Protein backbone atom coordinates (compact mmCIF):
# COMPACT_ATOMS: atom_id res chain seq x y z
CA MET A 1 -54.47 92.61 66.69
CA VAL A 2 -56.33 91.57 69.85
CA SER A 3 -55.09 88.70 71.81
CA ILE A 4 -57.22 85.58 72.44
CA PRO A 5 -57.04 85.82 76.25
CA LYS A 6 -58.47 89.39 76.15
CA VAL A 7 -61.29 88.25 73.97
CA VAL A 8 -61.99 85.06 76.37
CA GLY A 9 -61.88 87.25 79.44
CA LEU A 10 -64.19 89.80 77.81
CA MET A 11 -66.54 87.10 76.69
CA SER A 12 -66.61 85.57 80.36
CA CYS A 13 -67.13 89.00 81.98
CA GLY A 14 -70.08 89.54 79.79
CA PHE A 15 -71.59 85.87 80.52
CA LEU A 16 -71.10 86.41 84.20
CA LEU A 17 -72.72 89.97 84.08
CA CYS A 18 -75.81 88.47 82.17
CA LEU A 19 -76.28 85.58 84.83
CA GLY A 20 -76.11 88.30 87.62
CA LEU A 21 -78.83 90.51 85.85
CA ALA A 22 -80.90 87.57 85.22
CA GLY A 23 -81.13 86.67 89.01
CA VAL A 24 -81.80 90.48 89.75
CA ALA A 25 -84.66 90.30 87.35
CA SER A 26 -86.28 87.11 88.65
CA SER A 27 -86.20 88.34 92.08
CA THR A 28 -88.46 91.37 91.52
CA ASP A 29 -91.01 88.96 89.87
CA ASN A 30 -92.78 88.30 93.22
CA ILE A 31 -92.95 91.95 94.42
CA GLY A 32 -96.59 92.35 93.54
CA ASP A 33 -97.71 89.02 94.85
CA ALA A 34 -98.65 89.69 98.23
CA LYS A 35 -101.52 88.12 99.82
CA PRO A 36 -104.72 89.80 99.54
CA GLY A 37 -106.23 91.14 103.02
CA LYS A 38 -109.29 90.17 104.67
CA THR A 39 -112.43 92.25 104.30
CA ILE A 40 -115.03 93.14 106.74
CA LYS A 41 -118.24 94.92 106.12
CA GLY A 42 -119.88 96.40 109.40
CA GLU A 43 -120.78 99.28 111.64
CA VAL A 44 -118.26 101.15 113.45
CA LEU A 45 -118.82 100.50 117.27
CA ARG A 46 -116.14 103.17 118.57
CA VAL A 47 -113.04 105.05 117.86
CA GLU A 48 -110.35 105.05 120.38
CA GLY A 49 -107.22 107.07 118.86
CA ASP A 50 -105.78 104.82 116.11
CA SER A 51 -107.98 101.87 116.83
CA TYR A 52 -111.34 101.38 115.16
CA TYR A 53 -113.65 98.78 116.75
CA ILE A 54 -116.08 97.37 114.07
CA VAL A 55 -118.84 94.97 114.58
CA LYS A 56 -119.09 92.53 111.37
CA ASN A 57 -122.65 92.45 109.51
CA GLY A 58 -124.20 89.13 109.47
CA GLU A 59 -125.16 86.16 111.67
CA ASP A 60 -121.93 85.90 113.99
CA GLY A 61 -121.74 89.87 114.76
CA LYS A 62 -118.16 89.50 115.42
CA GLU A 63 -116.22 92.58 116.53
CA VAL A 64 -112.84 93.28 114.97
CA HIS A 65 -110.40 95.72 116.31
CA LEU A 66 -108.30 97.45 113.53
CA HIS A 67 -105.20 99.72 113.66
CA VAL A 68 -105.17 102.67 111.34
CA ASP A 69 -102.21 104.80 110.47
CA ASN A 70 -101.09 107.30 107.69
CA THR A 71 -100.76 104.29 105.43
CA THR A 72 -104.28 103.35 105.53
CA GLN A 73 -106.44 104.61 102.51
CA LYS A 74 -109.66 106.27 103.57
CA ASN A 75 -112.48 107.86 101.81
CA PHE A 76 -113.45 110.20 104.79
CA VAL A 77 -112.17 112.91 106.89
CA THR A 78 -113.57 111.65 110.28
CA ILE A 79 -115.56 108.55 111.14
CA VAL A 80 -118.06 108.18 114.04
CA PRO A 81 -119.73 105.07 115.81
CA GLY A 82 -122.73 104.10 113.68
CA ASP A 83 -120.95 104.62 110.14
CA ASN A 84 -121.08 101.55 107.93
CA VAL A 85 -117.63 100.79 106.56
CA GLU A 86 -115.87 97.98 104.43
CA ALA A 87 -112.45 97.71 105.92
CA LYS A 88 -109.60 95.59 104.15
CA PHE A 89 -106.83 94.58 106.79
CA ASN A 90 -104.04 92.08 107.13
CA ASP A 91 -103.17 89.35 109.44
CA GLN A 92 -101.95 91.91 112.15
CA ASN A 93 -105.15 93.65 111.93
CA HIS A 94 -103.59 96.77 110.41
CA ALA A 95 -106.27 98.52 108.19
CA ILE A 96 -104.99 98.48 104.48
CA SER A 97 -108.18 100.43 103.55
CA ILE A 98 -111.42 101.71 105.11
CA LEU A 99 -114.32 103.03 102.91
CA THR A 100 -117.49 104.52 104.23
CA ASP A 101 -120.80 104.72 102.71
CA GLN A 102 -121.59 107.94 104.44
CA ASN A 103 -121.04 111.41 102.93
CA GLN A 104 -117.86 113.17 103.92
CA SER A 105 -119.91 115.98 106.02
CA HIS A 106 -118.78 114.46 109.30
């Protein structure tokens, strides 16, 4: 016959384990809740290494400097000044994605 202290101990361990797993499960709920980035549509003014300078289409003609690296999603091999692009970027001006409407023949 199993003693009462062993049963109570096992039930307590099971209860604490469930509480711990519930905390882990709820902490992963916010992983996909990252803020969406800003988007700019415009023409590439110049490319300098890992930096792209894009002038925004529209009334203000604002120039935006974007940093590009291996994590940036692209639909082109190379990009040249004059290409029209749509770029999504974060608060640090890191390009999340850059899409061009030009053919990939560059």
